[in-house]
Amino acid sequence: MIKEFTSEDIEKLEKLYRAAFVNSLGGFKSVVLIGTTNSQKHENLAVFSSLFHIGANPALCGIIVRPSEVPRHTLNNILELKQYTINHITDSFYVNAHQTSARYDENISEFKEAKLTPEYIDSITAPFVKESKIKFACQLEQKIDLEINGTILLIGKIIYVSIPDNCLMTDGSVNLEAAKTITVSGLNSYHTTKKIGSLSYAKPATWPKEINL
């Protein structure tokens, strides 16, 4: 049996059911920890599943921040100091990462509460997650208020990357399985991945071939 939903049907769904349903429709998503601090040196760590690629030259990525009816410490810190870190999550600490979604007061460190370790690298002002294998830092380039639902798009330029040698492929791609990076579906279902293949660049009238990287 197939269930069908119109936009009116979706709007009538119970709030939490609707959130879980719509969040799951897009399939698997990136899940990362975003580390920030403010001018008072209060460290903040939050799990995000809205990270997406924007461009490679310059290297840009975006995150969506929900409306600020409640305090958004990550957003406030990024707007204040303009830097933040993005840290991949592995299956060894995904429960810790999930705990950062709890609503702590501004002066309480999610690093401490989630039993994760802040790490400072070079001249980056924001803290990284020491337990994370792949991590990078961004400089805020643009803030866009999305009028359609009150969310905020933050666009950051990647200014620093830390990645193990064995996680970098010969063509420049990142081996997420070697890093044991996990993914998420919906709001709270975490998944490991299994690579099924790498294909050649698609061209008209030429079928893609399996390639080894």
N, C-alpha and C. Protein backbone atom coordinates (compact mmCIF):
# COMPACT_ATOMS: atom_id res chain seq x y z
N MET A 1 0.84 -1.20 0.00
CA MET A 1 0.00 0.00 0.00
C MET A 1 0.88 1.24 0.00
N ILE A 2 0.56 2.20 -0.85
CA ILE A 2 1.30 3.45 -0.96
C ILE A 2 0.52 4.57 -0.26
N LYS A 3 1.19 5.33 0.56
CA LYS A 3 0.57 6.50 1.17
C LYS A 3 0.97 7.74 0.39
N GLU A 4 0.03 8.64 0.18
CA GLU A 4 0.29 9.87 -0.53
C GLU A 4 -0.08 11.06 0.35
N PHE A 5 0.74 12.12 0.24
CA PHE A 5 0.53 13.31 1.05
C PHE A 5 0.53 14.55 0.15
N THR A 6 -0.45 15.39 0.30
CA THR A 6 -0.43 16.71 -0.33
C THR A 6 0.20 17.70 0.65
N SER A 7 0.46 18.91 0.20
CA SER A 7 1.02 19.92 1.10
C SER A 7 0.07 20.20 2.25
N GLU A 8 -1.24 20.14 1.96
CA GLU A 8 -2.23 20.36 3.01
C GLU A 8 -2.17 19.23 4.04
N ASP A 9 -1.99 18.00 3.56
CA ASP A 9 -1.88 16.86 4.48
C ASP A 9 -0.68 17.03 5.40
N ILE A 10 0.45 17.44 4.83
CA ILE A 10 1.68 17.61 5.61
C ILE A 10 1.49 18.67 6.69
N GLU A 11 0.82 19.76 6.32
CA GLU A 11 0.61 20.85 7.28
C GLU A 11 -0.28 20.43 8.44
N LYS A 12 -1.13 19.43 8.23
CA LYS A 12 -2.05 18.98 9.27
C LYS A 12 -1.44 17.94 10.21
N LEU A 13 -0.24 17.44 9.87
CA LEU A 13 0.40 16.44 10.71
C LEU A 13 0.77 17.01 12.07
N GLU A 14 0.77 16.17 13.09
CA GLU A 14 1.22 16.60 14.43
C GLU A 14 2.65 17.12 14.33
N LYS A 15 2.99 18.14 15.11
CA LYS A 15 4.24 18.88 14.97
C LYS A 15 5.49 17.98 14.96
N LEU A 16 5.63 17.13 15.98
CA LEU A 16 6.83 16.30 16.07
C LEU A 16 6.85 15.23 14.98
N TYR A 17 5.68 14.70 14.66
CA TYR A 17 5.58 13.71 13.56
C TYR A 17 5.99 14.37 12.25
N ARG A 18 5.48 15.56 12.01
CA ARG A 18 5.80 16.29 10.77
C ARG A 18 7.29 16.58 10.67
N ALA A 19 7.90 16.99 11.77
CA ALA A 19 9.33 17.29 11.76
C ALA A 19 10.15 16.06 11.42
N ALA A 20 9.81 14.92 12.03
CA ALA A 20 10.53 13.68 11.75
C ALA A 20 10.31 13.24 10.30
N PHE A 21 9.10 13.36 9.82
CA PHE A 21 8.74 12.95 8.47
C PHE A 21 9.48 13.77 7.42
N VAL A 22 9.37 15.07 7.51
CA VAL A 22 9.99 15.94 6.49
C VAL A 22 11.51 15.88 6.56
N ASN A 23 12.05 15.79 7.77
CA ASN A 23 13.51 15.71 7.91
C ASN A 23 14.07 14.43 7.30
N SER A 24 13.26 13.38 7.23
CA SER A 24 13.73 12.10 6.70
C SER A 24 13.61 12.00 5.18
N LEU A 25 12.78 12.83 4.56
CA LEU A 25 12.48 12.70 3.14
C LEU A 25 13.70 12.88 2.24
N GLY A 26 14.62 13.72 2.64
CA GLY A 26 15.79 14.00 1.82
C GLY A 26 16.84 12.91 1.84
N GLY A 27 16.64 11.87 2.64
CA GLY A 27 17.61 10.78 2.71
C GLY A 27 18.73 11.10 3.68
N PHE A 28 19.87 10.44 3.46
CA PHE A 28 21.01 10.61 4.36
C PHE A 28 21.62 12.00 4.21
N LYS A 29 22.08 12.55 5.34
CA LYS A 29 22.66 13.89 5.37
C LYS A 29 23.99 13.86 6.10
N SER A 30 24.81 14.88 5.83
CA SER A 30 26.02 15.06 6.62
C SER A 30 25.63 15.39 8.05
N VAL A 31 26.41 14.89 8.99
CA VAL A 31 26.21 15.28 10.39
C VAL A 31 27.58 15.64 10.95
N VAL A 32 27.69 16.83 11.51
CA VAL A 32 28.98 17.34 11.99
C VAL A 32 28.79 18.06 13.31
N LEU A 33 29.89 18.28 13.97
CA LEU A 33 29.90 19.12 15.18
C LEU A 33 30.52 20.47 14.81
N ILE A 34 29.84 21.54 15.18
CA ILE A 34 30.35 22.89 14.91
C ILE A 34 30.83 23.49 16.23
N GLY A 35 32.12 23.84 16.24
CA GLY A 35 32.73 24.41 17.43
C GLY A 35 32.90 25.92 17.31
N THR A 36 32.53 26.62 18.36
CA THR A 36 32.68 28.08 18.38
C THR A 36 33.07 28.54 19.78
N THR A 37 33.44 29.79 19.85
CA THR A 37 33.67 30.44 21.15
C THR A 37 33.27 31.90 21.00
N ASN A 38 33.15 32.60 22.12
CA ASN A 38 32.83 34.03 22.05
C ASN A 38 33.94 34.84 22.69
N SER A 39 33.74 36.15 22.76
CA SER A 39 34.79 37.03 23.28
C SER A 39 35.07 36.79 24.76
N GLN A 40 34.15 36.12 25.46
CA GLN A 40 34.36 35.79 26.87
C GLN A 40 35.00 34.40 27.03
N LYS A 41 35.39 33.78 25.90
CA LYS A 41 36.05 32.46 25.89
C LYS A 41 35.12 31.34 26.33
N HIS A 42 33.81 31.54 26.18
CA HIS A 42 32.85 30.47 26.46
C HIS A 42 32.78 29.57 25.23
N GLU A 43 33.20 28.32 25.37
CA GLU A 43 33.22 27.39 24.25
C GLU A 43 31.83 26.77 24.04
N ASN A 44 31.49 26.59 22.77
CA ASN A 44 30.20 26.01 22.43
C ASN A 44 30.41 24.92 21.39
N LEU A 45 29.62 23.86 21.47
CA LEU A 45 29.69 22.77 20.51
C LEU A 45 28.28 22.30 20.21
N ALA A 46 27.94 22.18 18.92
CA ALA A 46 26.58 21.81 18.54
C ALA A 46 26.59 20.88 17.34
N VAL A 47 25.69 19.90 17.35
CA VAL A 47 25.57 18.97 16.23
C VAL A 47 24.66 19.60 15.17
N PHE A 48 25.09 19.51 13.91
CA PHE A 48 24.33 20.08 12.79
C PHE A 48 24.20 19.04 11.68
N SER A 49 23.03 19.00 11.04
CA SER A 49 22.84 18.12 9.89
C SER A 49 22.45 18.92 8.65
N SER A 50 22.82 20.20 8.62
CA SER A 50 22.44 21.07 7.50
C SER A 50 23.65 21.57 6.71
N LEU A 51 24.81 20.94 6.89
CA LEU A 51 26.01 21.35 6.16
C LEU A 51 25.90 20.95 4.69
N PHE A 52 26.28 21.85 3.78
CA PHE A 52 26.28 21.50 2.36
C PHE A 52 27.38 22.27 1.62
N HIS A 53 27.83 21.65 0.51
CA HIS A 53 28.88 22.22 -0.33
C HIS A 53 28.30 23.33 -1.20
N ILE A 54 29.04 24.44 -1.35
CA ILE A 54 28.62 25.53 -2.23
C ILE A 54 29.55 25.67 -3.42
N GLY A 55 30.85 25.61 -3.21
CA GLY A 55 31.79 25.75 -4.32
C GLY A 55 33.19 25.41 -3.89
N ALA A 56 34.06 25.12 -4.90
CA ALA A 56 35.43 24.74 -4.61
C ALA A 56 36.44 25.85 -4.88
N ASN A 57 36.06 26.87 -5.62
CA ASN A 57 36.99 27.97 -5.93
C ASN A 57 36.22 29.30 -5.96
N PRO A 58 36.16 29.99 -4.80
CA PRO A 58 36.79 29.64 -3.53
C PRO A 58 36.06 28.49 -2.83
N ALA A 59 36.74 27.90 -1.83
CA ALA A 59 36.17 26.77 -1.10
C ALA A 59 35.12 27.28 -0.11
N LEU A 60 33.85 27.02 -0.42
CA LEU A 60 32.75 27.54 0.38
C LEU A 60 31.80 26.43 0.79
N CYS A 61 31.25 26.55 1.98
CA CYS A 61 30.20 25.64 2.42
C CYS A 61 29.15 26.43 3.19
N GLY A 62 27.96 25.87 3.28
CA GLY A 62 26.88 26.56 3.95
C GLY A 62 26.27 25.73 5.06
N ILE A 63 25.70 26.40 6.03
CA ILE A 63 24.89 25.74 7.06
C ILE A 63 23.62 26.54 7.24
N ILE A 64 22.56 25.85 7.60
CA ILE A 64 21.29 26.50 7.89
C ILE A 64 21.07 26.50 9.40
N VAL A 65 20.76 27.67 9.92
CA VAL A 65 20.45 27.81 11.35
C VAL A 65 18.97 28.10 11.50
N ARG A 66 18.34 27.42 12.40
CA ARG A 66 16.89 27.57 12.58
C ARG A 66 16.54 28.93 13.18
N PRO A 67 15.27 29.33 13.09
CA PRO A 67 14.84 30.62 13.65
C PRO A 67 15.24 30.77 15.11
N SER A 68 15.50 31.98 15.52
CA SER A 68 16.07 32.24 16.85
C SER A 68 15.03 32.66 17.88
N GLU A 69 13.94 31.88 17.99
CA GLU A 69 13.00 32.14 19.08
C GLU A 69 13.65 31.83 20.43
N VAL A 70 14.58 30.87 20.42
CA VAL A 70 15.37 30.56 21.62
C VAL A 70 16.81 30.96 21.33
N PRO A 71 17.64 31.15 22.36
CA PRO A 71 19.03 31.54 22.12
C PRO A 71 19.78 30.56 21.23
N ARG A 72 20.48 31.05 20.23
CA ARG A 72 21.27 30.23 19.33
C ARG A 72 22.74 30.60 19.55
N HIS A 73 23.38 29.87 20.47
CA HIS A 73 24.74 30.22 20.86
C HIS A 73 25.72 30.08 19.70
N THR A 74 25.55 29.03 18.88
CA THR A 74 26.43 28.85 17.73
C THR A 74 26.33 30.05 16.79
N LEU A 75 25.12 30.43 16.47
CA LEU A 75 24.90 31.58 15.58
C LEU A 75 25.50 32.85 16.16
N ASN A 76 25.21 33.12 17.42
CA ASN A 76 25.72 34.34 18.05
C ASN A 76 27.25 34.38 18.05
N ASN A 77 27.87 33.23 18.34
CA ASN A 77 29.34 33.19 18.37
C ASN A 77 29.94 33.39 17.00
N ILE A 78 29.33 32.79 15.98
CA ILE A 78 29.84 32.96 14.62
C ILE A 78 29.72 34.41 14.18
N LEU A 79 28.59 35.04 14.48
CA LEU A 79 28.41 36.43 14.09
C LEU A 79 29.37 37.36 14.84
N GLU A 80 29.73 36.97 16.06
CA GLU A 80 30.63 37.81 16.86
C GLU A 80 32.08 37.69 16.42
N LEU A 81 32.59 36.47 16.31
CA LEU A 81 34.02 36.27 16.04
C LEU A 81 34.33 35.81 14.62
N LYS A 82 33.30 35.47 13.85
CA LYS A 82 33.43 35.17 12.41
C LYS A 82 34.13 33.86 12.07
N GLN A 83 34.52 33.07 13.05
CA GLN A 83 35.18 31.80 12.76
C GLN A 83 34.46 30.66 13.47
N TYR A 84 34.51 29.47 12.83
CA TYR A 84 33.92 28.28 13.43
C TYR A 84 34.60 27.05 12.83
N THR A 85 34.52 25.95 13.56
CA THR A 85 35.12 24.71 13.07
C THR A 85 34.02 23.70 12.75
N ILE A 86 34.31 22.83 11.80
CA ILE A 86 33.40 21.76 11.40
C ILE A 86 34.13 20.45 11.56
N ASN A 87 33.58 19.56 12.35
CA ASN A 87 34.25 18.34 12.77
C ASN A 87 33.42 17.11 12.43
N HIS A 88 34.01 16.18 11.67
CA HIS A 88 33.31 14.94 11.34
C HIS A 88 33.09 14.11 12.60
N ILE A 89 32.02 13.32 12.59
CA ILE A 89 31.66 12.46 13.72
C ILE A 89 31.88 11.00 13.32
N THR A 90 32.41 10.22 14.23
CA THR A 90 32.59 8.78 13.98
C THR A 90 31.68 7.99 14.91
N ASP A 91 31.59 6.67 14.64
CA ASP A 91 30.72 5.84 15.48
C ASP A 91 31.22 5.70 16.90
N SER A 92 32.47 6.09 17.16
CA SER A 92 33.03 5.95 18.50
C SER A 92 32.54 7.05 19.46
N PHE A 93 31.99 8.13 18.93
CA PHE A 93 31.51 9.19 19.85
C PHE A 93 30.22 9.86 19.35
N TYR A 94 29.40 9.12 18.60
CA TYR A 94 28.16 9.72 18.10
C TYR A 94 27.17 10.03 19.22
N VAL A 95 27.19 9.23 20.29
CA VAL A 95 26.30 9.52 21.42
C VAL A 95 26.71 10.82 22.10
N ASN A 96 28.01 11.02 22.24
CA ASN A 96 28.52 12.28 22.80
C ASN A 96 28.09 13.45 21.93
N ALA A 97 28.23 13.26 20.60
CA ALA A 97 27.86 14.32 19.67
C ALA A 97 26.37 14.65 19.78
N HIS A 98 25.54 13.65 19.89
CA HIS A 98 24.10 13.87 20.00
C HIS A 98 23.75 14.65 21.26
N GLN A 99 24.49 14.42 22.34
CA GLN A 99 24.23 15.11 23.60
C GLN A 99 24.37 16.62 23.47
N THR A 100 25.17 17.08 22.52
CA THR A 100 25.36 18.54 22.36
C THR A 100 24.09 19.23 21.87
N SER A 101 23.09 18.47 21.42
CA SER A 101 21.84 19.08 20.98
C SER A 101 20.96 19.50 22.15
N ALA A 102 21.34 19.10 23.36
CA ALA A 102 20.59 19.54 24.55
C ALA A 102 20.76 21.05 24.74
N ARG A 103 19.77 21.69 25.32
CA ARG A 103 19.80 23.15 25.46
C ARG A 103 20.50 23.56 26.75
N TYR A 104 21.78 23.76 26.65
CA TYR A 104 22.57 24.21 27.79
C TYR A 104 22.62 25.74 27.82
N ASP A 105 22.87 26.29 29.00
CA ASP A 105 23.05 27.73 29.13
C ASP A 105 24.32 28.17 28.41
N GLU A 106 24.39 29.43 28.09
CA GLU A 106 25.50 29.97 27.29
C GLU A 106 26.86 29.76 27.96
N ASN A 107 26.90 29.84 29.28
CA ASN A 107 28.17 29.74 29.99
C ASN A 107 28.57 28.31 30.32
N ILE A 108 27.80 27.33 29.83
CA ILE A 108 28.13 25.91 30.04
C ILE A 108 28.69 25.34 28.75
N SER A 109 29.85 24.70 28.85
CA SER A 109 30.51 24.14 27.67
C SER A 109 29.93 22.78 27.31
N GLU A 110 29.45 22.65 26.08
CA GLU A 110 28.99 21.34 25.60
C GLU A 110 30.15 20.36 25.46
N PHE A 111 31.36 20.87 25.25
CA PHE A 111 32.53 19.99 25.24
C PHE A 111 32.58 19.20 26.54
N LYS A 112 32.46 19.91 27.65
CA LYS A 112 32.55 19.28 28.96
C LYS A 112 31.36 18.36 29.21
N GLU A 113 30.17 18.86 28.91
CA GLU A 113 28.96 18.08 29.19
C GLU A 113 28.87 16.82 28.33
N ALA A 114 29.39 16.89 27.10
CA ALA A 114 29.34 15.74 26.19
C ALA A 114 30.61 14.89 26.26
N LYS A 115 31.52 15.27 27.15
CA LYS A 115 32.77 14.52 27.36
C LYS A 115 33.62 14.44 26.09
N LEU A 116 33.75 15.60 25.43
CA LEU A 116 34.60 15.73 24.25
C LEU A 116 35.68 16.77 24.54
N THR A 117 36.75 16.74 23.76
CA THR A 117 37.94 17.54 24.08
C THR A 117 38.14 18.69 23.12
N PRO A 118 38.13 19.95 23.61
CA PRO A 118 38.43 21.08 22.73
C PRO A 118 39.90 21.09 22.35
N GLU A 119 40.18 21.46 21.11
CA GLU A 119 41.54 21.49 20.61
C GLU A 119 41.72 22.75 19.76
N TYR A 120 42.81 23.48 20.03
CA TYR A 120 43.07 24.70 19.27
C TYR A 120 44.27 24.48 18.35
N ILE A 121 44.12 24.92 17.10
CA ILE A 121 45.12 24.67 16.07
C ILE A 121 45.54 25.98 15.42
N ASP A 122 46.84 26.19 15.34
CA ASP A 122 47.40 27.36 14.66
C ASP A 122 46.71 28.65 15.10
N SER A 123 46.29 29.47 14.13
CA SER A 123 45.73 30.78 14.47
C SER A 123 44.20 30.78 14.46
N ILE A 124 43.58 29.60 14.44
CA ILE A 124 42.12 29.52 14.43
C ILE A 124 41.58 29.80 15.83
N THR A 125 40.66 30.74 15.92
CA THR A 125 40.15 31.14 17.24
C THR A 125 39.13 30.15 17.80
N ALA A 126 38.45 29.43 16.93
CA ALA A 126 37.39 28.51 17.38
C ALA A 126 37.99 27.14 17.73
N PRO A 127 37.39 26.44 18.67
CA PRO A 127 37.90 25.12 19.08
C PRO A 127 37.48 24.00 18.13
N PHE A 128 38.39 23.08 17.88
CA PHE A 128 38.10 21.85 17.15
C PHE A 128 37.74 20.76 18.15
N VAL A 129 37.24 19.63 17.64
CA VAL A 129 36.99 18.45 18.46
C VAL A 129 38.18 17.51 18.28
N LYS A 130 38.92 17.29 19.34
CA LYS A 130 40.13 16.48 19.26
C LYS A 130 39.82 15.06 18.78
N GLU A 131 38.70 14.52 19.17
CA GLU A 131 38.35 13.14 18.82
C GLU A 131 38.00 12.98 17.33
N SER A 132 37.75 14.07 16.65
CA SER A 132 37.38 14.02 15.24
C SER A 132 38.60 13.81 14.36
N LYS A 133 38.48 12.95 13.34
CA LYS A 133 39.61 12.69 12.45
C LYS A 133 39.71 13.73 11.34
N ILE A 134 38.60 14.07 10.71
CA ILE A 134 38.58 15.09 9.66
C ILE A 134 37.92 16.33 10.22
N LYS A 135 38.60 17.45 10.12
CA LYS A 135 38.07 18.70 10.67
C LYS A 135 38.59 19.87 9.87
N PHE A 136 37.78 20.92 9.81
CA PHE A 136 38.21 22.12 9.09
C PHE A 136 37.59 23.36 9.72
N ALA A 137 38.19 24.49 9.40
CA ALA A 137 37.74 25.76 9.96
C ALA A 137 37.22 26.66 8.86
N CYS A 138 36.23 27.47 9.21
CA CYS A 138 35.62 28.39 8.25
C CYS A 138 35.64 29.82 8.77
N GLN A 139 35.74 30.74 7.85
CA GLN A 139 35.60 32.17 8.11
C GLN A 139 34.26 32.60 7.53
N LEU A 140 33.43 33.24 8.34
CA LEU A 140 32.12 33.67 7.86
C LEU A 140 32.26 34.69 6.75
N GLU A 141 31.61 34.41 5.61
CA GLU A 141 31.66 35.31 4.46
C GLU A 141 30.35 36.03 4.22
N GLN A 142 29.24 35.35 4.51
CA GLN A 142 27.94 35.95 4.21
C GLN A 142 26.85 35.36 5.07
N LYS A 143 25.92 36.20 5.51
CA LYS A 143 24.73 35.79 6.27
C LYS A 143 23.52 36.19 5.45
N ILE A 144 22.65 35.21 5.21
CA ILE A 144 21.45 35.47 4.40
C ILE A 144 20.23 35.05 5.20
N ASP A 145 19.33 35.99 5.44
CA ASP A 145 18.09 35.70 6.13
C ASP A 145 17.06 35.19 5.11
N LEU A 146 16.55 33.99 5.34
CA LEU A 146 15.58 33.38 4.43
C LEU A 146 14.17 33.71 4.92
N GLU A 147 13.51 34.61 4.21
CA GLU A 147 12.22 35.11 4.65
C GLU A 147 11.14 34.03 4.64
N ILE A 148 11.31 33.01 3.81
CA ILE A 148 10.25 32.01 3.63
C ILE A 148 9.92 31.27 4.93
N ASN A 149 10.93 31.05 5.80
CA ASN A 149 10.63 30.36 7.07
C ASN A 149 11.44 30.90 8.25
N GLY A 150 12.15 32.00 8.05
CA GLY A 150 12.87 32.62 9.16
C GLY A 150 14.20 31.98 9.49
N THR A 151 14.63 30.99 8.70
CA THR A 151 15.94 30.38 8.94
C THR A 151 17.04 31.29 8.40
N ILE A 152 18.28 30.96 8.75
CA ILE A 152 19.42 31.78 8.38
C ILE A 152 20.45 30.91 7.68
N LEU A 153 20.92 31.36 6.54
CA LEU A 153 21.98 30.68 5.81
C LEU A 153 23.30 31.38 6.11
N LEU A 154 24.26 30.62 6.61
CA LEU A 154 25.61 31.13 6.85
C LEU A 154 26.55 30.49 5.84
N ILE A 155 27.27 31.33 5.09
CA ILE A 155 28.23 30.84 4.10
C ILE A 155 29.64 31.11 4.62
N GLY A 156 30.43 30.04 4.69
CA GLY A 156 31.78 30.16 5.22
C GLY A 156 32.83 29.76 4.19
N LYS A 157 33.96 30.43 4.25
CA LYS A 157 35.11 30.08 3.41
C LYS A 157 36.02 29.16 4.22
N ILE A 158 36.39 28.02 3.63
CA ILE A 158 37.25 27.07 4.33
C ILE A 158 38.68 27.62 4.36
N ILE A 159 39.21 27.80 5.57
CA ILE A 159 40.52 28.44 5.72
C ILE A 159 41.58 27.50 6.31
N TYR A 160 41.16 26.32 6.74
CA TYR A 160 42.11 25.37 7.32
C TYR A 160 41.48 23.99 7.29
N VAL A 161 42.29 22.96 6.96
CA VAL A 161 41.80 21.58 6.95
C VAL A 161 42.82 20.68 7.62
N SER A 162 42.36 19.76 8.46
CA SER A 162 43.20 18.73 9.07
C SER A 162 42.61 17.38 8.71
N ILE A 163 43.43 16.53 8.03
CA ILE A 163 42.93 15.23 7.57
C ILE A 163 44.06 14.21 7.57
N PRO A 164 43.83 13.01 8.06
CA PRO A 164 44.88 11.97 8.05
C PRO A 164 45.27 11.61 6.62
N ASP A 165 46.53 11.23 6.43
CA ASP A 165 47.03 10.85 5.11
C ASP A 165 46.20 9.76 4.47
N ASN A 166 45.81 8.76 5.25
CA ASN A 166 45.10 7.63 4.68
C ASN A 166 43.65 7.92 4.31
N CYS A 167 43.20 9.15 4.60
CA CYS A 167 41.83 9.53 4.27
C CYS A 167 41.76 10.41 3.03
N LEU A 168 42.92 10.65 2.39
CA LEU A 168 42.97 11.50 1.20
C LEU A 168 43.31 10.63 -0.01
N MET A 169 42.42 10.61 -0.99
CA MET A 169 42.59 9.77 -2.17
C MET A 169 43.49 10.45 -3.20
N THR A 170 43.96 9.67 -4.17
CA THR A 170 44.90 10.20 -5.17
C THR A 170 44.29 11.28 -6.06
N ASP A 171 42.95 11.27 -6.21
CA ASP A 171 42.30 12.28 -7.04
C ASP A 171 41.86 13.50 -6.24
N GLY A 172 42.18 13.52 -4.95
CA GLY A 172 41.80 14.65 -4.10
C GLY A 172 40.54 14.43 -3.28
N SER A 173 39.81 13.37 -3.57
CA SER A 173 38.59 13.12 -2.80
C SER A 173 38.93 12.57 -1.42
N VAL A 174 37.98 12.70 -0.52
CA VAL A 174 38.17 12.27 0.86
C VAL A 174 37.57 10.88 1.05
N ASN A 175 38.33 9.99 1.66
CA ASN A 175 37.87 8.63 1.94
C ASN A 175 37.14 8.65 3.29
N LEU A 176 35.84 8.81 3.22
CA LEU A 176 35.04 8.93 4.44
C LEU A 176 34.99 7.64 5.23
N GLU A 177 35.06 6.51 4.55
CA GLU A 177 35.02 5.23 5.26
C GLU A 177 36.30 5.00 6.06
N ALA A 178 37.44 5.42 5.48
CA ALA A 178 38.70 5.30 6.22
C ALA A 178 38.67 6.15 7.48
N ALA A 179 37.98 7.28 7.40
CA ALA A 179 37.85 8.17 8.56
C ALA A 179 36.76 7.72 9.51
N LYS A 180 35.96 6.73 9.08
CA LYS A 180 34.82 6.23 9.86
C LYS A 180 33.78 7.33 10.11
N THR A 181 33.69 8.25 9.16
CA THR A 181 32.68 9.30 9.24
C THR A 181 31.29 8.70 9.11
N ILE A 182 30.37 9.13 9.96
CA ILE A 182 29.00 8.62 9.93
C ILE A 182 28.07 9.63 9.27
N THR A 183 26.84 9.21 9.06
CA THR A 183 25.82 10.07 8.48
C THR A 183 24.56 9.99 9.33
N VAL A 184 23.55 10.78 8.97
CA VAL A 184 22.33 10.83 9.76
C VAL A 184 21.12 10.85 8.84
N SER A 185 20.02 10.29 9.31
CA SER A 185 18.74 10.43 8.62
C SER A 185 17.73 10.96 9.63
N GLY A 186 16.84 11.79 9.14
CA GLY A 186 15.87 12.38 10.06
C GLY A 186 16.55 13.25 11.11
N LEU A 187 16.04 13.17 12.32
CA LEU A 187 16.55 14.01 13.41
C LEU A 187 17.52 13.29 14.33
N ASN A 188 17.45 11.97 14.40
CA ASN A 188 18.24 11.30 15.43
C ASN A 188 18.64 9.86 15.10
N SER A 189 18.65 9.50 13.82
CA SER A 189 19.07 8.15 13.41
C SER A 189 20.43 8.23 12.75
N TYR A 190 21.42 7.60 13.35
CA TYR A 190 22.80 7.69 12.87
C TYR A 190 23.18 6.40 12.14
N HIS A 191 24.01 6.55 11.09
CA HIS A 191 24.32 5.41 10.23
C HIS A 191 25.80 5.40 9.85
N THR A 192 26.36 4.20 9.73
CA THR A 192 27.66 4.04 9.09
C THR A 192 27.41 3.82 7.60
N THR A 193 28.49 3.87 6.80
CA THR A 193 28.32 3.78 5.35
C THR A 193 29.18 2.66 4.77
N LYS A 194 28.83 2.24 3.56
CA LYS A 194 29.62 1.29 2.82
C LYS A 194 29.70 1.74 1.37
N LYS A 195 30.90 1.95 0.88
CA LYS A 195 31.09 2.39 -0.49
C LYS A 195 30.69 1.28 -1.46
N ILE A 196 29.95 1.64 -2.51
CA ILE A 196 29.57 0.65 -3.52
C ILE A 196 30.33 0.83 -4.83
N GLY A 197 31.06 1.94 -5.00
CA GLY A 197 31.85 2.10 -6.21
C GLY A 197 32.20 3.54 -6.50
N SER A 198 33.21 3.74 -7.36
CA SER A 198 33.60 5.05 -7.88
C SER A 198 33.49 4.99 -9.40
N LEU A 199 32.85 5.98 -10.01
CA LEU A 199 32.60 5.97 -11.44
C LEU A 199 33.35 7.09 -12.14
N SER A 200 33.66 6.86 -13.41
CA SER A 200 34.36 7.86 -14.22
C SER A 200 33.44 9.05 -14.51
N TYR A 201 34.03 10.15 -14.93
CA TYR A 201 33.29 11.37 -15.27
C TYR A 201 32.30 11.06 -16.39
N ALA A 202 31.04 11.45 -16.22
CA ALA A 202 30.01 11.13 -17.20
C ALA A 202 30.11 12.04 -18.43
N LYS A 203 30.02 11.42 -19.62
CA LYS A 203 30.05 12.15 -20.89
C LYS A 203 28.93 11.62 -21.78
N PRO A 204 28.41 12.45 -22.67
CA PRO A 204 27.37 11.98 -23.58
C PRO A 204 27.85 10.79 -24.41
N ALA A 205 26.98 9.83 -24.60
CA ALA A 205 27.24 8.65 -25.44
C ALA A 205 28.37 7.76 -24.92
N THR A 206 28.80 7.97 -23.67
CA THR A 206 29.82 7.14 -23.06
C THR A 206 29.34 6.68 -21.69
N TRP A 207 29.21 5.36 -21.54
CA TRP A 207 28.70 4.86 -20.25
C TRP A 207 29.81 4.92 -19.20
N PRO A 208 29.51 5.36 -17.94
CA PRO A 208 30.53 5.45 -16.89
C PRO A 208 31.19 4.11 -16.62
N LYS A 209 32.45 4.15 -16.29
CA LYS A 209 33.23 2.96 -15.95
C LYS A 209 33.64 2.99 -14.50
N GLU A 210 33.76 1.84 -13.90
CA GLU A 210 34.25 1.72 -12.53
C GLU A 210 35.72 2.08 -12.50
N ILE A 211 36.12 2.92 -11.56
CA ILE A 211 37.53 3.29 -11.43
C ILE A 211 38.00 3.00 -10.02
N ASN A 212 39.29 2.73 -9.89
CA ASN A 212 39.91 2.49 -8.59
C ASN A 212 40.72 3.70 -8.18
N LEU A 213 40.46 4.20 -6.97
CA LEU A 213 41.19 5.38 -6.47
C LEU A 213 42.16 4.98 -5.35
